[in-house]
Amino acid sequence: MELQEAKQAVLEATKKLVASNLVARTWGNISCRVGENHFLITPSGKSYEQLTEDQLVLVSKENLSYTGPIKPSSEKGIHSLIYQTHPKVKCVIHTHQEMASLVSLSNKDLPISDDWSELLGETIATSQYGLPGTKALVNRVGKVLEKYATSAVLMASHGVLCFGSSPQEAFSIAEALESVCKNHVFLLSPLLHSLQGEMRTTILARRDTEEVQYATSVSPSLHAVCKQILAVKEKCKYILLLTSQEVLEVSKRCKILHAFLDDFAQIAGPSVHIYQQNRLGSLHLKHRDAMLIQGVGAICMGSSEAEAHAVATLVHKNSKAALLKLSTPQVKPLSWLDTHLMRYVYKKKYAKLACASTESEM
């Protein structure tokens, strides 16, 4: 592609992916090949909804160099690898789409039925886990690309890569894979199949400067919880209640919600405590922006309404992962070290980038 054509293609693809719920906020990344030696990629920490042409970054395929003050996605190394190993690929999409992410937890390759094999091939392979943005992750994806002729790669506990000869083909692959993965998850977990998969959120409290506004429907116990949260978390401005059948089921079956997916570890916390309604005394909120209350739902926190909703989305998805583990023993939570490291890096780096992006748009 020529540079201007690539800019238009990437922006169109980001809007389409957000509309289809395959990505949200800044999760995932998209690139298009430009000429023989470069690719254009989405930036790090920028909201897709407000993305502009001048925020896209042109990166060298050979050495990952770029010019300008805006940093490209931290996953640029994986995009470069795909363009180098697959000369016909013109577009790469990395998403954290829900069902594909859940399938990645089994660390097994996904067989594809004849109905989808023309688009997806016979097998979608899964690469071993690697921390986001690291050479280890690039190398593990590279091993899969060497072994399989494929249109997509599941990255364990992280997400999926889809790539094709055009943005339209890459997008079609992402959609088709999500449908296949949904059927596979429901086959593995009849419990998940029986639940509705819908999430509902209600704002419980909002802090403007020093004044706090509470929803009129907040119960005395939840009011006390909100007061405790706002007292210990100075940057928290919004608190909302997430209710879904998956979250309520986890609150009954588990004592703690561990991080199975790395985006949950980054944004919600390395793990989330589950409390009984009659035991809401001292709350464990350090390094965490969520908590579950048995039979009530999840309390999700953020410095903005969008951030609180992002936490809720990830609690809902990670709750599905916890329920999948009940029927799929090979599903394991991420290690303590990895979850705490990702949380630290996100809070110190990516959260600041996203905040700066929001401030520049206002």
Protein backbone atom coordinates (compact mmCIF):
# COMPACT_ATOMS: atom_id res chain seq x y z
CA MET A 1 0.00 0.00 0.00
CA GLU A 2 0.94 3.64 -0.39
CA LEU A 3 1.20 5.60 2.88
CA GLN A 4 -2.03 7.59 2.51
CA GLU A 5 -3.96 4.47 1.52
CA ALA A 6 -2.58 2.67 4.58
CA LYS A 7 -3.62 5.53 6.86
CA GLN A 8 -7.20 5.36 5.64
CA ALA A 9 -7.24 1.57 5.84
CA VAL A 10 -5.97 1.47 9.43
CA LEU A 11 -8.44 4.11 10.64
CA GLU A 12 -11.35 2.34 8.95
CA ALA A 13 -10.26 -0.97 10.46
CA THR A 14 -10.07 0.47 13.99
CA LYS A 15 -13.58 1.88 13.77
CA LYS A 16 -14.92 -1.40 12.38
CA LEU A 17 -13.24 -3.45 15.10
CA VAL A 18 -14.60 -1.23 17.89
CA ALA A 19 -18.11 -1.38 16.39
CA SER A 20 -17.91 -5.18 16.25
CA ASN A 21 -16.70 -5.41 19.89
CA LEU A 22 -13.54 -7.23 18.83
CA VAL A 23 -11.43 -4.55 20.53
CA ALA A 24 -12.10 -1.94 23.19
CA ARG A 25 -10.27 1.20 24.28
CA THR A 26 -6.55 0.76 23.52
CA TRP A 27 -6.46 -3.06 23.70
CA GLY A 28 -4.97 -4.64 20.61
CA ASN A 29 -3.37 -3.04 17.57
CA ILE A 30 -3.67 -2.86 13.79
CA SER A 31 -1.10 -2.36 11.03
CA CYS A 32 -0.87 -2.25 7.24
CA ARG A 33 2.17 -2.89 5.07
CA VAL A 34 3.60 0.22 3.35
CA GLY A 35 5.89 -0.49 0.42
CA GLU A 36 8.58 -3.14 0.81
CA ASN A 37 10.26 -2.00 4.01
CA HIS A 38 7.70 -0.40 6.34
CA PHE A 39 4.35 -0.86 8.02
CA LEU A 40 1.92 1.66 9.54
CA ILE A 41 0.68 0.77 13.02
CA THR A 42 -1.61 2.16 15.70
CA PRO A 43 0.11 4.01 18.57
CA SER A 44 0.56 2.91 22.15
CA GLY A 45 -2.07 4.02 24.67
CA LYS A 46 -4.37 5.95 22.30
CA SER A 47 -8.13 5.45 22.22
CA TYR A 48 -9.37 4.00 18.92
CA GLU A 49 -12.53 6.09 19.01
CA GLN A 50 -10.55 9.35 18.76
CA LEU A 51 -7.61 8.14 16.65
CA THR A 52 -6.39 10.44 13.87
CA GLU A 53 -4.07 9.96 10.88
CA ASP A 54 -1.23 11.93 12.44
CA GLN A 55 -1.20 9.57 15.44
CA LEU A 56 -0.41 6.50 13.31
CA VAL A 57 3.27 5.50 13.26
CA LEU A 58 5.36 4.38 10.28
CA VAL A 59 7.78 1.65 11.43
CA SER A 60 10.71 0.01 9.67
CA LYS A 61 10.07 -3.68 9.04
CA GLU A 62 13.76 -4.49 9.45
CA ASN A 63 14.83 -2.70 12.64
CA LEU A 64 11.57 -1.31 14.13
CA SER A 65 12.83 2.27 13.94
CA TYR A 66 10.38 5.17 13.64
CA THR A 67 10.41 8.95 13.78
CA GLY A 68 8.34 11.45 15.75
CA PRO A 69 7.21 11.76 19.37
CA ILE A 70 4.37 9.22 19.23
CA LYS A 71 5.33 5.67 20.20
CA PRO A 72 4.06 2.77 18.11
CA SER A 73 2.32 -0.21 19.70
CA SER A 74 4.56 -2.24 21.98
CA GLU A 75 3.64 -5.29 19.86
CA LYS A 76 5.32 -3.86 16.75
CA GLY A 77 7.84 -6.70 16.86
CA ILE A 78 5.15 -9.29 16.21
CA HIS A 79 3.75 -7.29 13.29
CA SER A 80 7.24 -7.02 11.81
CA LEU A 81 7.74 -10.76 12.18
CA ILE A 82 4.53 -11.54 10.31
CA TYR A 83 5.37 -9.17 7.46
CA GLN A 84 8.84 -10.70 7.14
CA THR A 85 7.65 -14.31 7.16
CA HIS A 86 4.47 -13.79 5.09
CA PRO A 87 5.22 -11.60 2.03
CA LYS A 88 1.59 -11.69 0.85
CA VAL A 89 0.20 -10.33 4.11
CA LYS A 90 -0.88 -6.68 3.86
CA CYS A 91 -2.70 -6.25 7.19
CA VAL A 92 -2.24 -7.57 10.73
CA ILE A 93 -4.85 -7.27 13.49
CA HIS A 94 -4.16 -8.11 17.12
CA THR A 95 -7.27 -8.29 19.30
CA HIS A 96 -8.21 -9.35 22.81
CA GLN A 97 -11.55 -10.66 21.58
CA GLU A 98 -13.35 -12.59 24.27
CA MET A 99 -13.95 -16.12 22.99
CA ALA A 100 -10.61 -16.46 21.21
CA SER A 101 -8.88 -15.29 24.39
CA LEU A 102 -10.73 -17.96 26.38
CA VAL A 103 -9.76 -20.69 23.92
CA SER A 104 -6.12 -19.62 24.18
CA LEU A 105 -6.15 -20.57 27.88
CA SER A 106 -6.16 -24.29 27.07
CA ASN A 107 -2.73 -23.95 25.39
CA LYS A 108 -3.87 -26.31 22.65
CA ASP A 109 -4.18 -25.91 18.90
CA LEU A 110 -7.72 -25.39 17.66
CA PRO A 111 -8.96 -27.71 14.89
CA ILE A 112 -11.16 -26.02 12.31
CA SER A 113 -14.19 -27.68 10.78
CA ASP A 114 -14.69 -27.92 7.02
CA ASP A 115 -17.26 -25.10 7.19
CA TRP A 116 -14.54 -22.60 8.09
CA SER A 117 -11.37 -24.21 6.74
CA GLU A 118 -11.31 -22.30 3.46
CA LEU A 119 -10.92 -19.02 5.35
CA LEU A 120 -9.13 -20.16 8.51
CA GLY A 121 -7.23 -23.25 7.40
CA GLU A 122 -7.32 -26.65 9.09
CA THR A 123 -5.75 -25.56 12.41
CA ILE A 124 -5.29 -22.40 14.44
CA ALA A 125 -2.18 -22.87 16.55
CA THR A 126 -1.59 -21.49 20.06
CA SER A 127 1.74 -19.95 21.03
CA GLN A 128 3.08 -20.32 24.55
CA TYR A 129 2.60 -17.43 26.95
CA GLY A 130 4.95 -14.47 26.91
CA LEU A 131 4.68 -11.10 28.61
CA PRO A 132 3.15 -8.45 26.30
CA GLY A 133 5.64 -6.44 24.28
CA THR A 134 8.59 -8.76 24.99
CA LYS A 135 11.02 -10.59 22.73
CA ALA A 136 9.94 -13.83 24.40
CA LEU A 137 6.41 -13.36 23.06
CA VAL A 138 7.74 -12.54 19.58
CA ASN A 139 9.92 -15.65 19.60
CA ARG A 140 7.07 -17.90 20.70
CA VAL A 141 4.78 -16.57 18.00
CA GLY A 142 7.65 -17.05 15.54
CA LYS A 143 7.86 -20.75 16.38
CA VAL A 144 4.19 -21.14 15.47
CA LEU A 145 4.61 -19.26 12.20
CA GLU A 146 7.54 -21.52 11.28
CA LYS A 147 5.52 -24.67 11.91
CA TYR A 148 2.09 -23.77 10.52
CA ALA A 149 0.73 -22.17 7.36
CA THR A 150 -1.98 -20.20 9.11
CA SER A 151 -4.12 -17.07 8.98
CA ALA A 152 -4.24 -16.56 12.74
CA VAL A 153 -2.38 -17.34 15.94
CA LEU A 154 -3.86 -17.67 19.41
CA MET A 155 -1.52 -16.23 22.04
CA ALA A 156 -1.98 -18.00 25.35
CA SER A 157 -3.67 -15.86 28.03
CA HIS A 158 -3.31 -12.79 25.82
CA GLY A 159 -5.36 -12.64 22.62
CA VAL A 160 -5.19 -13.40 18.92
CA LEU A 161 -3.35 -12.35 15.76
CA CYS A 162 -5.26 -12.32 12.47
CA PHE A 163 -3.62 -11.42 9.17
CA GLY A 164 -4.56 -11.36 5.51
CA SER A 165 -4.00 -9.90 2.08
CA SER A 166 -6.23 -6.93 2.94
CA PRO A 167 -7.82 -5.31 6.01
CA GLN A 168 -11.14 -6.78 4.92
CA GLU A 169 -9.72 -10.32 4.89
CA ALA A 170 -8.00 -9.89 8.25
CA PHE A 171 -11.25 -8.57 9.73
CA SER A 172 -13.24 -11.49 8.26
CA ILE A 173 -10.76 -13.91 9.81
CA ALA A 174 -11.14 -12.26 13.24
CA GLU A 175 -14.93 -12.48 13.06
CA ALA A 176 -14.95 -16.06 11.82
CA LEU A 177 -12.46 -17.14 14.48
CA GLU A 178 -14.58 -15.60 17.22
CA SER A 179 -17.59 -17.60 16.04
CA VAL A 180 -15.58 -20.84 15.96
CA CYS A 181 -14.11 -20.14 19.39
CA LYS A 182 -17.53 -19.42 20.87
CA ASN A 183 -18.77 -22.83 19.79
CA HIS A 184 -15.61 -24.44 21.16
CA VAL A 185 -15.91 -22.71 24.56
CA PHE A 186 -19.55 -23.77 24.91
CA LEU A 187 -18.56 -27.34 24.04
CA LEU A 188 -15.88 -27.31 26.74
CA SER A 189 -18.12 -25.65 29.34
CA PRO A 190 -21.84 -26.45 29.41
CA LEU A 191 -22.05 -24.10 32.41
CA LEU A 192 -20.89 -21.12 30.34
CA HIS A 193 -23.27 -22.16 27.59
CA SER A 194 -26.17 -22.05 30.06
CA LEU A 195 -25.41 -18.49 31.20
CA GLN A 196 -26.59 -15.42 29.33
CA GLY A 197 -23.24 -13.71 28.83
CA GLU A 198 -24.75 -10.27 29.39
CA MET A 199 -23.30 -7.61 31.69
CA ARG A 200 -25.16 -4.75 33.33
CA THR A 201 -23.51 -1.80 35.06
CA THR A 202 -24.85 0.82 37.45
CA ILE A 203 -22.90 3.83 38.72
CA LEU A 204 -22.84 3.76 42.53
CA ALA A 205 -20.73 6.83 43.26
CA ARG A 206 -18.97 9.67 41.47
CA ARG A 207 -16.46 12.08 42.97
CA ASP A 208 -16.19 15.63 41.57
CA THR A 209 -13.30 17.49 43.22
CA GLU A 210 -14.15 16.93 46.92
CA GLU A 211 -17.88 16.27 46.52
CA VAL A 212 -19.22 12.72 46.20
CA GLN A 213 -22.53 11.94 44.57
CA TYR A 214 -24.15 8.60 45.39
CA ALA A 215 -26.86 6.84 43.41
CA THR A 216 -30.20 7.05 45.19
CA SER A 217 -30.59 3.28 44.99
CA VAL A 218 -27.33 2.47 46.83
CA SER A 219 -27.96 0.19 49.81
CA PRO A 220 -26.42 1.09 53.20
CA SER A 221 -23.85 -1.73 52.90
CA LEU A 222 -22.76 -0.67 49.40
CA HIS A 223 -22.70 2.97 50.52
CA ALA A 224 -20.26 1.98 53.26
CA VAL A 225 -18.13 0.07 50.75
CA CYS A 226 -18.00 3.08 48.42
CA LYS A 227 -16.98 5.38 51.28
CA GLN A 228 -14.14 3.03 52.24
CA ILE A 229 -12.96 2.81 48.60
CA LEU A 230 -12.95 6.58 48.13
CA ALA A 231 -11.11 7.04 51.43
CA VAL A 232 -8.19 4.77 50.48
CA LYS A 233 -8.05 5.27 46.68
CA GLU A 234 -7.43 8.95 46.05
CA LYS A 235 -7.44 8.66 42.24
CA CYS A 236 -10.76 6.83 42.13
CA LYS A 237 -13.51 9.05 40.71
CA TYR A 238 -16.11 6.49 39.62
CA ILE A 239 -17.44 3.35 41.28
CA LEU A 240 -19.90 1.11 39.50
CA LEU A 241 -21.64 -2.18 40.16
CA LEU A 242 -21.31 -4.92 37.54
CA THR A 243 -23.89 -7.68 37.55
CA SER A 244 -23.79 -10.67 35.23
CA GLN A 245 -24.63 -14.33 35.65
CA GLU A 246 -20.96 -15.21 35.17
CA VAL A 247 -19.78 -12.83 37.90
CA LEU A 248 -22.48 -14.01 40.31
CA GLU A 249 -21.58 -17.63 39.60
CA VAL A 250 -17.90 -16.97 40.30
CA SER A 251 -18.78 -15.14 43.52
CA LYS A 252 -20.53 -18.33 44.72
CA ARG A 253 -17.95 -20.87 43.55
CA CYS A 254 -14.60 -19.14 44.21
CA LYS A 255 -12.85 -17.50 47.14
CA ILE A 256 -10.69 -15.30 44.94
CA LEU A 257 -10.80 -14.37 41.25
CA HIS A 258 -7.31 -15.02 39.89
CA ALA A 259 -5.99 -13.45 36.69
CA PHE A 260 -6.23 -15.86 33.78
CA LEU A 261 -5.85 -13.13 31.14
CA ASP A 262 -3.12 -10.53 31.16
CA ASP A 263 -5.36 -7.57 30.31
CA PHE A 264 -7.32 -8.34 33.50
CA ALA A 265 -4.07 -8.38 35.49
CA GLN A 266 -3.06 -5.03 34.03
CA ILE A 267 -6.30 -3.11 34.43
CA ALA A 268 -8.34 -4.81 37.19
CA GLY A 269 -5.52 -6.24 39.31
CA PRO A 270 -3.33 -9.33 39.79
CA SER A 271 -6.30 -10.95 41.55
CA VAL A 272 -9.63 -9.80 42.96
CA HIS A 273 -10.98 -10.71 46.38
CA ILE A 274 -14.48 -12.10 46.85
CA TYR A 275 -16.38 -11.07 49.98
CA GLN A 276 -19.46 -12.36 51.73
CA GLN A 277 -22.20 -9.77 52.23
CA ASN A 278 -21.95 -10.00 56.01
CA ARG A 279 -18.15 -9.64 55.99
CA LEU A 280 -17.45 -6.30 54.35
CA GLY A 281 -15.06 -4.92 56.93
CA SER A 282 -11.47 -4.26 55.87
CA LEU A 283 -11.14 -4.38 52.08
CA HIS A 284 -8.03 -5.60 50.24
CA LEU A 285 -7.75 -2.91 47.55
CA LYS A 286 -3.99 -2.41 47.17
CA HIS A 287 -3.01 -2.90 43.50
CA ARG A 288 -6.65 -3.68 42.68
CA ASP A 289 -9.50 -1.77 41.04
CA ALA A 290 -12.25 -4.34 41.60
CA MET A 291 -13.82 -6.58 44.24
CA LEU A 292 -16.62 -9.14 44.16
CA ILE A 293 -19.44 -9.48 46.68
CA GLN A 294 -21.12 -12.84 46.89
CA GLY A 295 -24.62 -12.71 45.44
CA VAL A 296 -24.33 -8.99 44.60
CA GLY A 297 -21.81 -8.56 41.79
CA ALA A 298 -18.50 -6.81 41.16
CA ILE A 299 -17.54 -3.35 42.42
CA CYS A 300 -15.39 -1.72 39.72
CA MET A 301 -13.35 1.46 40.15
CA GLY A 302 -11.65 3.98 37.88
CA SER A 303 -10.28 7.48 37.57
CA SER A 304 -12.91 8.05 34.86
CA GLU A 305 -16.21 6.49 33.89
CA ALA A 306 -14.56 4.87 30.84
CA GLU A 307 -11.86 3.32 33.01
CA ALA A 308 -14.39 1.91 35.46
CA HIS A 309 -16.31 0.38 32.55
CA ALA A 310 -13.05 -1.08 31.20
CA VAL A 311 -12.46 -2.75 34.57
CA ALA A 312 -16.00 -4.14 34.46
CA THR A 313 -15.51 -5.56 30.96
CA LEU A 314 -12.37 -7.40 32.03
CA VAL A 315 -13.88 -8.70 35.27
CA HIS A 316 -16.74 -10.12 33.21
CA LYS A 317 -14.36 -11.78 30.71
CA ASN A 318 -12.01 -13.11 33.37
CA SER A 319 -14.98 -14.52 35.29
CA LYS A 320 -15.78 -16.58 32.21
CA ALA A 321 -12.19 -17.82 32.25
CA ALA A 322 -12.55 -18.87 35.90
CA LEU A 323 -15.72 -20.80 35.05
CA LEU A 324 -14.02 -22.42 32.06
CA LYS A 325 -11.33 -23.75 34.40
CA LEU A 326 -13.98 -25.74 36.30
CA SER A 327 -14.47 -28.03 33.29
CA THR A 328 -11.04 -27.66 31.67
CA PRO A 329 -8.25 -28.59 34.13
CA GLN A 330 -5.44 -27.43 31.81
CA VAL A 331 -6.64 -23.84 32.16
CA LYS A 332 -4.30 -22.20 34.68
CA PRO A 333 -4.08 -18.68 36.11
CA LEU A 334 -1.07 -16.54 35.33
CA SER A 335 1.85 -16.59 37.76
CA TRP A 336 2.01 -14.21 40.73
CA LEU A 337 5.17 -12.59 39.34
CA ASP A 338 3.77 -12.02 35.84
CA THR A 339 0.50 -10.51 37.10
CA HIS A 340 2.20 -8.09 39.48
CA LEU A 341 4.78 -7.10 36.89
CA MET A 342 2.09 -6.38 34.28
CA ARG A 343 0.04 -4.38 36.77
CA TYR A 344 3.08 -2.28 37.68
CA VAL A 345 4.06 -1.60 34.07
CA TYR A 346 0.49 -0.72 33.10
CA LYS A 347 0.05 1.74 35.95
CA LYS A 348 3.44 3.37 35.43
CA LYS A 349 3.40 3.50 31.62
CA TYR A 350 0.25 2.71 29.67
CA ALA A 351 -2.25 4.31 32.05
CA LYS A 352 -0.27 7.55 31.82
CA LEU A 353 -0.25 7.36 28.02
CA ALA A 354 -4.01 6.82 27.92
CA CYS A 355 -4.54 9.70 30.37
CA ALA A 356 -2.38 12.02 28.30
CA SER A 357 -4.30 11.00 25.18
CA THR A 358 -7.62 11.79 26.87
CA GLU A 359 -6.39 15.15 28.12
CA SER A 360 -5.12 16.15 24.66
CA GLU A 361 -8.51 15.37 23.16
CA MET A 362 -10.48 17.54 25.61
